[in-house]
C-alpha atoms as a PDB file:
ATOM      1  CA  MET A   1     -10.556 -22.173 -12.992  1.00  0.00           C
ATOM      2  CA  ALA A   2      -9.251 -19.126 -14.655  1.00  0.00           C
ATOM      3  CA  ILE A   3      -6.960 -17.009 -12.658  1.00  0.00           C
ATOM      4  CA  THR A   4      -8.363 -13.523 -11.799  1.00  0.00           C
ATOM      5  CA  TYR A   5      -6.552 -10.331 -10.368  1.00  0.00           C
ATOM      6  CA  PRO A   6      -5.714  -8.970  -7.955  1.00  0.00           C
ATOM      7  CA  ARG A   7      -4.552 -12.068  -6.264  1.00  0.00           C
ATOM      8  CA  THR A   8      -3.946 -12.378  -2.589  1.00  0.00           C
ATOM      9  CA  LEU A   9      -0.610 -13.502  -1.174  1.00  0.00           C
ATOM     10  CA  PRO A  10      -0.204 -17.185  -0.092  1.00  0.00           C
ATOM     11  CA  THR A  11      -0.264 -17.471   3.495  1.00  0.00           C
ATOM     12  CA  HIS A  12       0.935 -21.038   4.317  1.00  0.00           C
ATOM     13  CA  THR A  13       4.624 -19.498   5.269  1.00  0.00           C
ATOM     14  CA  GLY A  14       4.301 -15.986   5.953  1.00  0.00           C
ATOM     15  CA  ILE A  15       6.866 -13.233   5.051  1.00  0.00           C
ATOM     16  CA  ARG A  16      10.255 -13.125   6.422  1.00  0.00           C
ATOM     17  CA  SER A  17      10.770  -9.357   5.739  1.00  0.00           C
ATOM     18  CA  ILE A  18       9.291  -6.573   3.505  1.00  0.00           C
ATOM     19  CA  THR A  19      10.832  -3.327   2.504  1.00  0.00           C
ATOM     20  CA  LEU A  20       8.495  -0.680   1.623  1.00  0.00           C
ATOM     21  CA  ARG A  21       9.626   2.295  -0.289  1.00  0.00           C
ATOM     22  CA  ALA A  22       7.896   5.694  -0.587  1.00  0.00           C
ATOM     23  CA  VAL A  23       9.004   7.245  -3.805  1.00  0.00           C
ATOM     24  CA  ASN A  24       8.449  10.927  -4.726  1.00  0.00           C
ATOM     25  CA  VAL A  25       9.064  12.490  -8.080  1.00  0.00           C
ATOM     26  CA  THR A  26      11.186  15.512  -7.553  1.00  0.00           C
ATOM     27  CA  ALA A  27      13.870  17.432  -9.191  1.00  0.00           C
ATOM     28  CA  VAL A  28      16.461  19.772  -7.888  1.00  0.00           C
ATOM     29  CA  SER A  29      18.022  22.724  -9.651  1.00  0.00           C
ATOM     30  CA  GLU A  30      21.235  23.916  -7.976  1.00  0.00           C
ATOM     31  CA  SER A  31      23.126  26.943  -8.875  1.00  0.00           C
ATOM     32  CA  VAL A  32      26.799  26.360  -9.390  1.00  0.00           C
ATOM     33  CA  PHE A  33      27.682  29.777  -8.298  1.00  0.00           C
ATOM     34  CA  THR A  34      25.368  30.285  -5.197  1.00  0.00           C
ATOM     35  CA  LEU A  35      24.467  26.658  -4.425  1.00  0.00           C
ATOM     36  CA  ARG A  36      20.830  27.928  -3.904  1.00  0.00           C
ATOM     37  CA  GLN A  37      18.413  25.066  -4.748  1.00  0.00           C
ATOM     38  CA  GLN A  38      15.029  25.164  -6.540  1.00  0.00           C
ATOM     39  CA  ILE A  39      12.742  22.037  -5.866  1.00  0.00           C
ATOM     40  CA  PHE A  40      10.396  20.891  -8.286  1.00  0.00           C
ATOM     41  CA  LYS A  41       7.625  18.647  -7.015  1.00  0.00           C
ATOM     42  CA  HIS A  42       5.868  16.524  -9.602  1.00  0.00           C
ATOM     43  CA  SER A  43       2.616  14.655  -9.090  1.00  0.00           C
ATOM     44  CA  GLY A  44       4.234  11.143  -9.121  1.00  0.00           C
ATOM     45  CA  GLU A  45       4.023   9.292  -5.744  1.00  0.00           C
ATOM     46  CA  ARG A  46       4.041   5.416  -5.396  1.00  0.00           C
ATOM     47  CA  TRP A  47       4.797   2.603  -3.220  1.00  0.00           C
ATOM     48  CA  GLU A  48       7.580   0.092  -3.970  1.00  0.00           C
ATOM     49  CA  ALA A  49       8.298  -2.954  -2.142  1.00  0.00           C
ATOM     50  CA  GLU A  50      10.610  -5.888  -1.853  1.00  0.00           C
ATOM     51  CA  VAL A  51       9.438  -9.015  -0.419  1.00  0.00           C
ATOM     52  CA  ALA A  52      11.615 -11.715   1.236  1.00  0.00           C
ATOM     53  CA  LEU A  53      10.081 -15.139   2.020  1.00  0.00           C
ATOM     54  CA  PRO A  54      11.817 -17.444   4.652  1.00  0.00           C
ATOM     55  CA  ALA A  55      13.970 -20.487   3.635  1.00  0.00           C
ATOM     56  CA  MET A  56      11.584 -23.352   2.787  1.00  0.00           C
ATOM     57  CA  ALA A  57      11.507 -26.780   1.661  1.00  0.00           C
ATOM     58  CA  ARG A  58      10.281 -27.641  -1.897  1.00  0.00           C
ATOM     59  CA  ALA A  59       6.758 -28.415  -0.982  1.00  0.00           C
ATOM     60  CA  ALA A  60       6.036 -24.866   0.510  1.00  0.00           C
ATOM     61  CA  ALA A  61       8.202 -23.134  -2.155  1.00  0.00           C
ATOM     62  CA  GLU A  62       6.335 -24.550  -4.940  1.00  0.00           C
ATOM     63  CA  GLN A  63       3.156 -22.993  -3.937  1.00  0.00           C
ATOM     64  CA  TRP A  64       4.889 -19.461  -3.883  1.00  0.00           C
ATOM     65  CA  LEU A  65       6.517 -20.173  -7.302  1.00  0.00           C
ATOM     66  CA  ALA A  66       3.402 -21.142  -8.902  1.00  0.00           C
ATOM     67  CA  TRP A  67       1.817 -18.117  -7.434  1.00  0.00           C
ATOM     68  CA  LEU A  68       4.588 -15.929  -8.648  1.00  0.00           C
ATOM     69  CA  LEU A  69       4.519 -17.538 -12.067  1.00  0.00           C
ATOM     70  CA  SER A  70       0.761 -16.839 -12.249  1.00  0.00           C
ATOM     71  CA  MET A  71       1.339 -12.990 -12.343  1.00  0.00           C
ATOM     72  CA  ARG A  72       3.072 -13.677 -15.808  1.00  0.00           C
ATOM     73  CA  GLY A  73       5.612 -11.071 -15.371  1.00  0.00           C
ATOM     74  CA  ARG A  74       4.129  -7.598 -14.983  1.00  0.00           C
ATOM     75  CA  GLU A  75       0.716  -8.435 -16.186  1.00  0.00           C
ATOM     76  CA  GLY A  76      -0.871  -9.809 -13.236  1.00  0.00           C
ATOM     77  CA  THR A  77      -1.551  -7.928  -9.865  1.00  0.00           C
ATOM     78  CA  PHE A  78      -1.864  -8.759  -6.203  1.00  0.00           C
ATOM     79  CA  LEU A  79      -2.907  -7.142  -2.787  1.00  0.00           C
ATOM     80  CA  LEU A  80      -0.183  -6.119  -0.486  1.00  0.00           C
ATOM     81  CA  GLY A  81       0.143  -4.281   2.787  1.00  0.00           C
ATOM     82  CA  ASP A  82       2.490  -3.571   5.729  1.00  0.00           C
ATOM     83  CA  PRO A  83       2.295  -6.952   7.728  1.00  0.00           C
ATOM     84  CA  LEU A  84       3.135  -5.084  11.001  1.00  0.00           C
ATOM     85  CA  GLY A  85       0.813  -2.222  10.182  1.00  0.00           C
ATOM     86  CA  GLY A  86      -2.606  -4.060   9.970  1.00  0.00           C
ATOM     87  CA  THR A  87      -4.022  -2.752  13.171  1.00  0.00           C
ATOM     88  CA  PRO A  88      -4.129   0.972  13.795  1.00  0.00           C
ATOM     89  CA  GLN A  89      -2.800   2.765  16.511  1.00  0.00           C
ATOM     90  CA  GLY A  90      -5.774   5.090  17.072  1.00  0.00           C
ATOM     91  CA  SER A  91      -9.152   3.839  18.104  1.00  0.00           C
ATOM     92  CA  ALA A  92     -10.551   4.080  14.589  1.00  0.00           C
ATOM     93  CA  GLY A  93     -14.205   3.539  15.683  1.00  0.00           C
ATOM     94  CA  GLY A  94     -17.344   3.756  13.825  1.00  0.00           C
ATOM     95  CA  THR A  95     -17.944   3.070  10.070  1.00  0.00           C
ATOM     96  CA  PRO A  96     -15.908   5.563   8.246  1.00  0.00           C
ATOM     97  CA  VAL A  97     -16.685   6.531   4.565  1.00  0.00           C
ATOM     98  CA  VAL A  98     -15.412   9.210   2.122  1.00  0.00           C
ATOM     99  CA  ASN A  99     -17.477  12.383   2.680  1.00  0.00           C
ATOM    100  CA  GLY A 100     -17.894  14.004  -0.734  1.00  0.00           C
ATOM    101  CA  ALA A 101     -17.145  13.074  -4.358  1.00  0.00           C
ATOM    102  CA  SER A 102     -14.356  14.183  -6.648  1.00  0.00           C
ATOM    103  CA  GLN A 103     -11.662  14.124  -3.752  1.00  0.00           C
ATOM    104  CA  VAL A 104      -8.245  13.888  -5.162  1.00  0.00           C
ATOM    105  CA  GLY A 105      -4.824  14.946  -3.681  1.00  0.00           C
ATOM    106  CA  ASP A 106      -2.864  14.625  -0.442  1.00  0.00           C
ATOM    107  CA  SER A 107      -5.941  14.892   1.970  1.00  0.00           C
ATOM    108  CA  VAL A 108      -9.434  13.085   2.100  1.00  0.00           C
ATOM    109  CA  SER A 109     -12.525  14.169   4.101  1.00  0.00           C
ATOM    110  CA  ILE A 110     -14.390  11.389   5.866  1.00  0.00           C
ATOM    111  CA  ASP A 111     -17.396  10.856   8.163  1.00  0.00           C
ATOM    112  CA  GLY A 112     -19.126   7.991  10.040  1.00  0.00           C
ATOM    113  CA  CYS A 113     -16.189   8.005  12.851  1.00  0.00           C
ATOM    114  CA  THR A 114     -16.706   7.841  16.440  1.00  0.00           C
ATOM    115  CA  THR A 115     -17.713  11.319  17.459  1.00  0.00           C
ATOM    116  CA  SER A 116     -15.420  13.686  19.122  1.00  0.00           C
ATOM    117  CA  GLN A 117     -12.591  11.242  19.375  1.00  0.00           C
ATOM    118  CA  THR A 118      -9.089  12.403  19.877  1.00  0.00           C
ATOM    119  CA  GLY A 119      -6.586  10.000  18.420  1.00  0.00           C
ATOM    120  CA  TRP A 120      -9.040   8.610  16.166  1.00  0.00           C
ATOM    121  CA  LEU A 121      -6.047   7.442  14.047  1.00  0.00           C
ATOM    122  CA  LYS A 122      -2.404   8.264  14.743  1.00  0.00           C
ATOM    123  CA  ALA A 123       0.326   9.444  12.394  1.00  0.00           C
ATOM    124  CA  GLY A 124       1.633   6.450  10.577  1.00  0.00           C
ATOM    125  CA  ASP A 125      -1.545   4.421  10.542  1.00  0.00           C
ATOM    126  CA  TYR A 126      -2.665   3.013   7.113  1.00  0.00           C
ATOM    127  CA  ILE A 127      -6.085   3.453   5.291  1.00  0.00           C
ATOM    128  CA  GLN A 128      -7.206   1.589   2.216  1.00  0.00           C
ATOM    129  CA  LEU A 129      -9.470   3.282  -0.384  1.00  0.00           C
ATOM    130  CA  GLY A 130     -11.517   1.222  -2.735  1.00  0.00           C
ATOM    131  CA  ALA A 131     -11.374  -2.587  -2.908  1.00  0.00           C
ATOM    132  CA  GLY A 132     -10.151  -5.258  -5.352  1.00  0.00           C
ATOM    133  CA  ALA A 133      -8.698  -3.756  -8.483  1.00  0.00           C
ATOM    134  CA  THR A 134      -9.332  -0.155  -7.181  1.00  0.00           C
ATOM    135  CA  ALA A 135      -7.684  -0.725  -3.730  1.00  0.00           C
ATOM    136  CA  THR A 136      -5.077   1.952  -2.759  1.00  0.00           C
ATOM    137  CA  LEU A 137      -2.670   1.957   0.293  1.00  0.00           C
ATOM    138  CA  HIS A 138      -2.233   5.362   2.010  1.00  0.00           C
ATOM    139  CA  LYS A 139      -0.226   6.188   5.155  1.00  0.00           C
ATOM    140  CA  VAL A 140      -1.725   8.851   7.502  1.00  0.00           C
ATOM    141  CA  LEU A 141       0.569  11.672   8.065  1.00  0.00           C
ATOM    142  CA  GLN A 142      -0.767  13.438  11.389  1.00  0.00           C
ATOM    143  CA  ASP A 143      -2.836  12.411  14.231  1.00  0.00           C
ATOM    144  CA  VAL A 144      -6.523  12.446  13.328  1.00  0.00           C
ATOM    145  CA  ALA A 145      -9.350  13.817  15.863  1.00  0.00           C
ATOM    146  CA  SER A 146     -13.104  13.316  14.682  1.00  0.00           C
ATOM    147  CA  ASN A 147     -15.396  16.269  15.445  1.00  0.00           C
ATOM    148  CA  ALA A 148     -18.956  16.008  17.195  1.00  0.00           C
ATOM    149  CA  SER A 149     -20.552  15.014  13.742  1.00  0.00           C
ATOM    150  CA  GLY A 150     -18.025  12.162  13.390  1.00  0.00           C
ATOM    151  CA  GLN A 151     -16.206  13.894  10.527  1.00  0.00           C
ATOM    152  CA  ALA A 152     -12.491  14.099  10.065  1.00  0.00           C
ATOM    153  CA  THR A 153      -9.893  15.142   7.329  1.00  0.00           C
ATOM    154  CA  LEU A 154      -6.928  12.908   6.924  1.00  0.00           C
ATOM    155  CA  ASP A 155      -3.492  14.006   5.527  1.00  0.00           C
ATOM    156  CA  ILE A 156      -2.197  11.061   3.577  1.00  0.00           C
ATOM    157  CA  TRP A 157       0.425   9.790   1.509  1.00  0.00           C
ATOM    158  CA  PRO A 158       0.356   9.003  -1.543  1.00  0.00           C
ATOM    159  CA  ALA A 159      -2.002  11.484  -3.042  1.00  0.00           C
ATOM    160  CA  ILE A 160      -5.362  10.170  -4.338  1.00  0.00           C
ATOM    161  CA  THR A 161      -5.139  10.161  -8.141  1.00  0.00           C
ATOM    162  CA  THR A 162      -8.560   8.553  -8.871  1.00  0.00           C
ATOM    163  CA  ALA A 163     -11.327   9.958  -6.748  1.00  0.00           C
ATOM    164  CA  PRO A 164     -13.199   7.503  -4.516  1.00  0.00           C
ATOM    165  CA  GLY A 165     -16.888   7.780  -4.572  1.00  0.00           C
ATOM    166  CA  ASP A 166     -18.918   9.711  -2.046  1.00  0.00           C
ATOM    167  CA  GLY A 167     -19.806   7.185   0.667  1.00  0.00           C
ATOM    168  CA  ALA A 168     -16.964   4.806  -0.172  1.00  0.00           C
ATOM    169  CA  THR A 169     -15.776   2.658   2.536  1.00  0.00           C
ATOM    170  CA  VAL A 170     -12.615   3.679   4.319  1.00  0.00           C
ATOM    171  CA  VAL A 171     -10.593   0.627   5.436  1.00  0.00           C
ATOM    172  CA  THR A 172      -8.538   1.137   8.539  1.00  0.00           C
ATOM    173  CA  SER A 173      -7.518  -2.537   9.488  1.00  0.00           C
ATOM    174  CA  SER A 174      -5.376  -4.657   7.260  1.00  0.00           C
ATOM    175  CA  ALA A 175      -5.312  -2.073   4.542  1.00  0.00           C
ATOM    176  CA  LYS A 176      -3.890  -3.206   1.289  1.00  0.00           C
ATOM    177  CA  GLY A 177      -3.223  -1.757  -2.105  1.00  0.00           C
ATOM    178  CA  VAL A 178      -2.825  -3.172  -5.643  1.00  0.00           C
ATOM    179  CA  PHE A 179       0.757  -4.183  -6.668  1.00  0.00           C
ATOM    180  CA  ARG A 180       2.452  -5.745  -9.647  1.00  0.00           C
ATOM    181  CA  LEU A 181       5.734  -7.373 -10.029  1.00  0.00           C
ATOM    182  CA  ALA A 182       8.555  -4.738 -10.813  1.00  0.00           C
ATOM    183  CA  GLY A 183       9.864  -6.967 -13.639  1.00  0.00           C
ATOM    184  CA  SER A 184       9.223  -9.434 -16.333  1.00  0.00           C
ATOM    185  CA  SER A 185      11.291 -12.233 -14.809  1.00  0.00           C
ATOM    186  CA  THR A 186      10.892 -14.495 -11.877  1.00  0.00           C
ATOM    187  CA  GLU A 187      13.721 -16.066  -9.997  1.00  0.00           C
ATOM    188  CA  TRP A 188      14.443 -18.221  -7.087  1.00  0.00           C
ATOM    189  CA  THR A 189      17.618 -20.125  -5.392  1.00  0.00           C
ATOM    190  CA  SER A 190      17.932 -23.673  -4.009  1.00  0.00           C
ATOM    191  CA  ASN A 191      20.891 -24.874  -1.979  1.00  0.00           C
ATOM    192  CA  GLU A 192      22.586 -28.070  -0.862  1.00  0.00           C
ATOM    193  CA  ILE A 193      20.511 -28.466   2.264  1.00  0.00           C
ATOM    194  CA  ALA A 194      17.266 -28.440   0.226  1.00  0.00           C
ATOM    195  CA  HIS A 195      15.960 -24.940   0.857  1.00  0.00           C
ATOM    196  CA  TYR A 196      14.432 -22.481  -1.475  1.00  0.00           C
ATOM    197  CA  GLY A 197      15.181 -18.786  -1.322  1.00  0.00           C
ATOM    198  CA  ILE A 198      12.601 -16.444  -2.899  1.00  0.00           C
ATOM    199  CA  VAL A 199      12.635 -12.649  -3.005  1.00  0.00           C
ATOM    200  CA  PHE A 200      10.522 -10.541  -5.333  1.00  0.00           C
ATOM    201  CA  PRO A 201      10.323  -6.640  -6.005  1.00  0.00           C
ATOM    202  CA  ALA A 202       6.847  -4.949  -6.534  1.00  0.00           C
ATOM    203  CA  VAL A 203       5.437  -1.669  -7.397  1.00  0.00           C
ATOM    204  CA  GLN A 204       2.248  -0.066  -6.748  1.00  0.00           C
ATOM    205  CA  VAL A 205      -0.280  -0.025  -9.629  1.00  0.00           C
ATOM    206  CA  ILE A 206      -1.395   3.459 -10.598  1.00  0.00           C
ATOM    207  CA  VAL A 207      -4.151   3.911 -13.070  1.00  0.00           C
END
């Protein structure tokens, strides 16, 4: 059977730790005379990650290694989220969807939420827009309250670059985005007690 992307992560061992990094493209110009600064904010924003797996015996390690090699360097893609952030802190009730087409930037209007709900989402919760190859992972920056019509506006990071369709589903549980390996080589270690060590870096796919 042909391998298709994005793939899901193997689940037979779990992840020992994951480092998520929020990268913003900014530049600073500082006067050598007054030390005053000018900040230039560019549009680039993306997630980067480093995934460390637990020490494991060969049978478990080979499943991960086969999965990593199936990425064929930076060609393949996979779905990744914050393992500890899968459950929202807010109530997140209802069936939220995007409210209006052509929304790009650092906020998104939605509806379909539980009506008049304070703390519908909390600062730090994750949402996912899109699915499969179009899935994008975003972090909510402020507490969100829905109005009497079940509408809300979410301030999010990173900014939306490709507008979701009007009525597109907003995922609030186990949110994920599409990533690829950060480099074209894959490596692992093995030691004298027959354990394998695997760590791999990844970056968000932006199209």
